[in-house]
Protein backbone atom coordinates (compact mmCIF):
# COMPACT_ATOMS: atom_id res chain seq x y z
CA MET A 1 0.21 0.13 -0.39
CA ASP A 2 1.36 3.53 -1.02
CA ILE A 3 1.24 6.43 1.62
CA LEU A 4 0.70 9.68 -0.65
CA TYR A 5 1.41 12.33 1.93
CA THR A 6 1.58 15.46 -0.51
CA LEU A 7 -0.69 16.77 -3.37
CA THR A 8 1.88 15.69 -6.08
CA ASP A 9 2.25 12.41 -4.74
CA LEU A 10 -1.63 11.84 -4.93
CA ARG A 11 -1.67 13.31 -8.68
CA ALA A 12 1.42 11.48 -9.83
CA TYR A 13 -0.26 8.05 -8.13
CA VAL A 14 -3.16 9.02 -9.74
CA ARG A 15 -2.07 9.92 -13.43
CA ALA A 16 -0.41 6.79 -13.10
CA HIS A 17 -3.08 4.62 -12.65
CA ARG A 18 -5.39 6.62 -15.00
CA GLN A 19 -3.47 6.31 -17.85
CA ALA A 20 -3.44 2.63 -17.24
CA GLY A 21 -7.22 2.83 -17.66
CA LYS A 22 -8.45 2.27 -13.98
CA THR A 23 -11.28 3.69 -12.48
CA ILE A 24 -10.51 5.69 -8.91
CA ALA A 25 -12.62 5.50 -5.61
CA PHE A 26 -12.37 8.29 -2.89
CA VAL A 27 -13.25 7.64 0.89
CA PRO A 28 -12.80 10.60 2.89
CA THR A 29 -12.04 10.24 6.85
CA MET A 30 -10.64 12.20 9.83
CA GLY A 31 -9.13 8.87 11.17
CA ALA A 32 -9.78 6.87 14.15
CA LEU A 33 -11.08 4.35 11.52
CA HIS A 34 -13.68 1.81 12.83
CA ASP A 35 -15.68 -0.72 10.85
CA GLY A 36 -17.74 1.83 9.01
CA HIS A 37 -14.63 3.12 7.59
CA VAL A 38 -13.58 -0.14 6.54
CA THR A 39 -16.53 -0.78 4.78
CA LEU A 40 -16.72 2.23 2.89
CA VAL A 41 -13.37 0.71 1.38
CA ARG A 42 -14.05 -2.38 0.51
CA GLU A 43 -17.41 -0.84 -1.19
CA GLY A 44 -15.54 1.42 -3.04
CA LEU A 45 -12.48 -1.82 -4.19
CA LYS A 46 -15.84 -3.44 -5.36
CA ARG A 47 -17.18 -0.78 -7.56
CA ALA A 48 -13.58 0.69 -8.73
CA ASP A 49 -10.15 -0.67 -9.82
CA ILE A 50 -8.32 1.49 -7.34
CA CYS A 51 -9.47 2.52 -3.50
CA ILE A 52 -7.85 5.63 -2.34
CA PRO A 53 -9.04 6.25 1.58
CA TYR A 54 -8.08 9.83 2.97
CA ILE A 55 -7.27 10.33 6.70
CA PHE A 56 -7.31 14.17 7.71
CA LEU A 57 -8.54 15.69 10.57
CA ASN A 58 -10.22 18.42 9.77
CA PRO A 59 -9.86 21.41 11.81
CA LYS A 60 -12.67 23.64 9.55
CA GLN A 61 -14.81 21.78 10.59
CA PHE A 62 -14.96 22.10 14.71
CA ALA A 63 -16.19 25.26 16.45
CA PRO A 64 -13.62 26.47 19.33
CA THR A 65 -15.78 24.76 21.92
CA GLU A 66 -15.36 21.32 20.53
CA ASP A 67 -13.48 18.29 20.32
CA LEU A 68 -10.55 18.93 17.88
CA ALA A 69 -8.13 18.50 20.51
CA SER A 70 -9.30 15.25 22.33
CA TYR A 71 -10.35 13.73 18.93
CA PRO A 72 -8.68 10.17 18.41
CA LYS A 73 -5.98 10.26 16.68
CA THR A 74 -4.94 6.45 16.04
CA LEU A 75 -3.19 6.85 12.57
CA ASP A 76 -0.75 3.28 12.93
CA ALA A 77 -3.85 1.85 13.62
CA ASP A 78 -6.18 3.08 11.02
CA LEU A 79 -2.88 2.44 8.57
CA ASP A 80 -2.99 -1.20 9.39
CA LYS A 81 -6.77 -1.30 9.24
CA ILE A 82 -6.59 0.05 5.53
CA ARG A 83 -3.76 -2.38 4.72
CA ALA A 84 -6.07 -5.37 5.49
CA VAL A 85 -8.26 -4.71 3.36
CA ARG A 86 -5.82 -4.44 0.63
CA ALA A 87 -6.55 -0.98 -0.85
CA SER A 88 -4.35 0.40 -3.08
CA ALA A 89 -3.05 3.47 -1.57
CA VAL A 90 -3.92 6.06 1.44
CA TYR A 91 -4.00 9.92 1.30
CA VAL A 92 -2.70 11.31 4.48
CA PRO A 93 -1.88 15.44 3.84
CA SER A 94 -0.74 17.73 6.71
CA ALA A 95 -2.70 20.41 7.70
CA ALA A 96 -0.13 22.79 6.14
CA ASN A 97 -0.50 21.15 2.74
CA ILE A 98 -4.45 21.41 3.44
CA TYR A 99 -4.55 24.68 4.31
CA PRO A 100 -1.56 26.89 3.63
CA GLU A 101 -0.40 30.30 4.79
CA GLY A 102 -2.50 32.73 3.22
CA PHE A 103 -5.29 30.17 2.29
CA ALA A 104 -8.49 32.19 1.96
CA THR A 105 -11.38 30.46 0.58
CA SER A 106 -14.33 28.71 1.98
CA ILE A 107 -17.74 27.29 0.40
CA THR A 108 -21.40 27.61 1.61
CA VAL A 109 -24.16 25.07 0.28
CA SER A 110 -26.91 27.00 0.92
CA GLY A 111 -30.71 25.73 1.98
CA ILE A 112 -29.98 21.62 2.67
CA SER A 113 -27.33 23.00 5.17
CA GLU A 114 -29.01 25.06 7.02
CA PRO A 115 -31.72 22.89 9.13
CA LEU A 116 -30.90 20.20 11.96
CA GLU A 117 -26.95 20.38 11.89
CA GLY A 118 -26.68 23.95 10.79
CA LEU A 119 -28.90 25.28 13.31
CA CYS A 120 -26.75 23.40 15.98
CA ARG A 121 -23.41 23.21 14.55
CA PRO A 122 -23.55 26.64 12.52
CA HIS A 123 -19.66 26.68 11.23
CA PHE A 124 -20.06 22.67 10.32
CA PHE A 125 -20.47 22.57 6.82
CA GLN A 126 -18.91 24.93 5.31
CA GLY A 127 -15.78 23.59 7.14
CA VAL A 128 -17.06 19.79 5.67
CA ALA A 129 -17.69 21.41 1.93
CA THR A 130 -14.67 23.12 1.71
CA ILE A 131 -12.44 20.48 2.51
CA VAL A 132 -14.28 17.63 0.50
CA ALA A 133 -14.56 20.18 -2.66
CA LYS A 134 -10.80 20.49 -2.20
CA MET A 135 -10.26 17.01 -2.02
CA LEU A 136 -12.38 15.77 -4.88
CA ILE A 137 -10.36 18.38 -6.89
CA GLN A 138 -7.24 17.10 -5.88
CA CYS A 139 -7.63 13.41 -6.73
CA LEU A 140 -10.78 13.77 -9.45
CA PRO A 141 -11.90 10.00 -8.68
CA ASP A 142 -14.95 8.47 -10.57
CA ILE A 143 -16.42 8.18 -7.15
CA ALA A 144 -16.45 8.94 -3.76
CA LEU A 145 -18.43 6.98 -0.89
CA PHE A 146 -19.56 8.14 2.57
CA GLY A 147 -21.82 6.88 5.14
CA GLU A 148 -25.71 7.25 5.43
CA LYS A 149 -24.97 8.09 9.69
CA ASP A 150 -24.13 11.51 8.47
CA TYR A 151 -27.04 11.99 6.18
CA GLN A 152 -27.52 15.97 6.20
CA GLN A 153 -23.79 15.55 5.32
CA LEU A 154 -24.22 13.32 2.43
CA LEU A 155 -27.24 15.54 1.13
CA VAL A 156 -24.99 18.68 1.16
CA ILE A 157 -21.82 16.78 -0.70
CA LYS A 158 -24.17 15.74 -3.28
CA LYS A 159 -25.82 19.55 -3.79
CA LEU A 160 -22.28 20.74 -3.90
CA VAL A 161 -21.23 18.34 -6.49
CA ALA A 162 -24.41 19.10 -8.79
CA ASP A 163 -24.04 22.52 -8.46
CA MET A 164 -20.03 22.92 -9.23
CA ASP A 165 -20.28 20.49 -12.37
CA LEU A 166 -17.45 18.25 -10.36
CA PRO A 167 -17.22 14.83 -12.69
CA VAL A 168 -17.61 12.48 -9.74
CA THR A 169 -20.36 10.19 -8.55
CA ILE A 170 -21.28 10.37 -4.74
CA LEU A 171 -22.30 7.11 -3.22
CA GLY A 172 -24.22 6.97 0.19
CA ILE A 173 -23.36 3.62 2.18
CA PRO A 174 -26.14 2.23 4.88
CA THR A 175 -24.65 2.95 8.27
CA VAL A 176 -22.81 0.19 9.64
CA ARG A 177 -23.89 -0.89 13.45
CA ASP A 178 -22.79 -2.84 15.88
CA SER A 179 -24.74 -6.05 17.45
CA ARG A 180 -26.98 -3.72 19.25
CA GLY A 181 -27.79 -1.29 16.33
CA LEU A 182 -25.49 1.62 17.57
CA ALA A 183 -24.34 3.72 14.73
CA LEU A 184 -20.43 2.71 14.68
CA SER A 185 -18.95 6.37 15.26
CA SER A 186 -15.20 7.45 16.33
CA ARG A 187 -16.90 9.40 18.89
CA ASN A 188 -18.41 6.51 20.61
CA VAL A 189 -14.86 5.30 22.17
CA TYR A 190 -15.71 8.49 24.55
CA LEU A 191 -18.92 6.66 26.04
CA SER A 192 -18.61 4.46 29.16
CA ALA A 193 -20.39 1.53 29.51
CA PRO A 194 -23.54 2.76 31.32
CA GLU A 195 -23.35 5.69 28.90
CA ARG A 196 -23.23 2.86 25.49
CA GLU A 197 -26.51 1.49 27.35
CA ILE A 198 -28.23 4.67 27.29
CA ALA A 199 -27.05 5.35 23.55
CA VAL A 200 -28.04 1.89 21.95
CA GLN A 201 -31.96 3.30 22.98
CA MET A 202 -31.24 6.22 19.74
CA ASN A 203 -31.72 3.25 16.89
CA VAL A 204 -35.05 1.66 18.39
CA ILE A 205 -36.49 5.17 19.12
CA LEU A 206 -35.58 6.64 15.26
CA LYS A 207 -37.27 3.15 14.05
CA GLU A 208 -40.35 3.64 16.32
CA MET A 209 -40.89 7.32 15.65
CA MET A 210 -40.36 6.48 11.94
CA LYS A 211 -43.23 3.70 12.24
CA LYS A 212 -45.64 6.09 13.99
CA SER A 213 -45.32 8.82 11.64
CA LEU A 214 -46.07 6.58 8.99
CA GLY A 215 -48.96 4.93 10.53
CA SER A 216 -51.71 7.12 12.01
CA VAL A 217 -49.76 9.13 13.90
CA ARG A 218 -49.52 12.53 13.01
CA ILE A 219 -45.90 13.47 12.79
CA GLU A 220 -45.59 16.08 15.12
CA GLU A 221 -47.32 13.50 17.77
CA ALA A 222 -44.41 11.31 16.73
CA GLU A 223 -42.24 13.63 17.34
CA ALA A 224 -43.06 14.60 20.44
CA TRP A 225 -42.80 10.95 21.38
CA GLY A 226 -39.34 10.63 20.05
CA LEU A 227 -38.33 13.40 21.93
CA ASP A 228 -40.13 12.16 25.33
CA ALA A 229 -38.43 8.90 24.48
CA LEU A 230 -34.87 9.79 24.36
CA THR A 231 -35.21 11.74 27.23
CA ASN A 232 -36.46 9.32 29.49
CA ALA A 233 -33.70 6.97 27.94
CA GLY A 234 -31.46 8.59 29.65
CA PHE A 235 -29.95 11.50 27.19
CA ASP A 236 -29.07 14.54 28.64
CA ARG A 237 -29.84 17.13 26.37
CA VAL A 238 -31.26 16.57 22.39
CA ASP A 239 -30.89 19.06 19.61
CA TYR A 240 -33.54 18.04 17.64
CA CYS A 241 -35.82 14.50 17.25
CA VAL A 242 -37.33 14.93 13.93
CA VAL A 243 -38.87 13.33 10.88
CA ARG A 244 -38.31 15.16 7.28
CA ASP A 245 -39.16 14.89 3.81
CA ALA A 246 -35.56 12.73 3.20
CA GLN A 247 -34.57 14.87 -0.30
CA THR A 248 -34.85 18.06 1.40
CA LEU A 249 -35.28 17.73 5.11
CA HIS A 250 -38.39 20.37 4.59
CA PRO A 251 -40.96 19.41 7.41
CA VAL A 252 -42.85 16.65 5.32
CA SER A 253 -45.38 17.93 2.84
CA PRO A 254 -48.45 16.03 0.47
CA ASP A 255 -44.99 16.40 -2.08
CA THR A 256 -42.66 14.40 0.03
CA GLN A 257 -42.04 11.20 -1.44
CA THR A 258 -40.02 9.51 1.43
CA ARG A 259 -39.27 10.21 4.95
CA ARG A 260 -36.05 10.40 7.37
CA ALA A 261 -36.23 10.00 10.96
CA LEU A 262 -32.80 12.03 11.91
CA ALA A 263 -31.66 13.09 15.80
CA ALA A 264 -29.32 14.41 17.22
CA ALA A 265 -28.62 14.01 21.38
CA TRP A 266 -25.92 14.27 24.08
CA ILE A 267 -25.05 11.81 26.50
CA GLY A 268 -22.81 13.76 29.15
CA THR A 269 -19.94 15.81 27.01
CA THR A 270 -20.66 13.24 24.08
CA ARG A 271 -22.71 13.97 20.74
CA LEU A 272 -24.67 11.08 19.30
CA ILE A 273 -26.31 11.45 15.70
CA ASP A 274 -28.17 8.83 14.13
CA ASN A 275 -30.91 8.36 11.19
CA ARG A 276 -33.60 6.19 10.11
CA GLY A 277 -35.50 5.83 6.89
CA GLU A 278 -38.75 4.33 5.31
CA HIS A 279 -36.87 1.38 4.25
CA ASP A 280 -35.75 0.52 7.95
CA VAL A 281 -39.18 0.01 9.20
CA THR A 282 -40.98 -1.92 5.96
């Protein structure tokens, strides 16, 4: 496996494989890899000849009060996991390479970025859109793969790519969960054993809330039930717990074709997000 540290390394690697007629998949990560990330790499290898994950802890998507300093950093273990699935290469740029002195550009994707996570973390999607756009332009892969756990992020990136005419197909891959249904996340390492017992309830509650919304229960009542259920399960604070149009994240309307149940809630100092679609309960 080749470890690519600079843009020059990345572009030389991509150019050589393009000249050989190879297709390329790209998997963005911030490190602290788990089975969800590994699944994305495996899927990339199924769908393209070459798969290049990148590892870059992006400071621009963290607010000053968030966990950038404490975010898990496990580069050696990450590289071992990528080698184990026989990825072709991995891109590990430095912050100085990605954001050199004088870097002054940011990208905002209006509309889809504004509700839910956009209200709770107003800095977040600008940081995500900027780094993803930069990485896609650096690599210009055929496909890039993202997990559906970060569902709103996936929609933001699809809109970014469409609006900017970037020649890459964005693929959303279903959320990978543990044996009890907890969505895998790098931040799960923050959870104590008792906190994990609370965390596993989010998935169950979202599925039941979606089921209620598809039945005879009004959406407002289903959302109120979900909020109460998360609080009663032991979550300390709920940022949102809603059923929305799966394509726009607007409130469900007569024009809505599919729905998505989404939640973000805190256990102590750990913030968890998850979502469930109609297909999860039908």
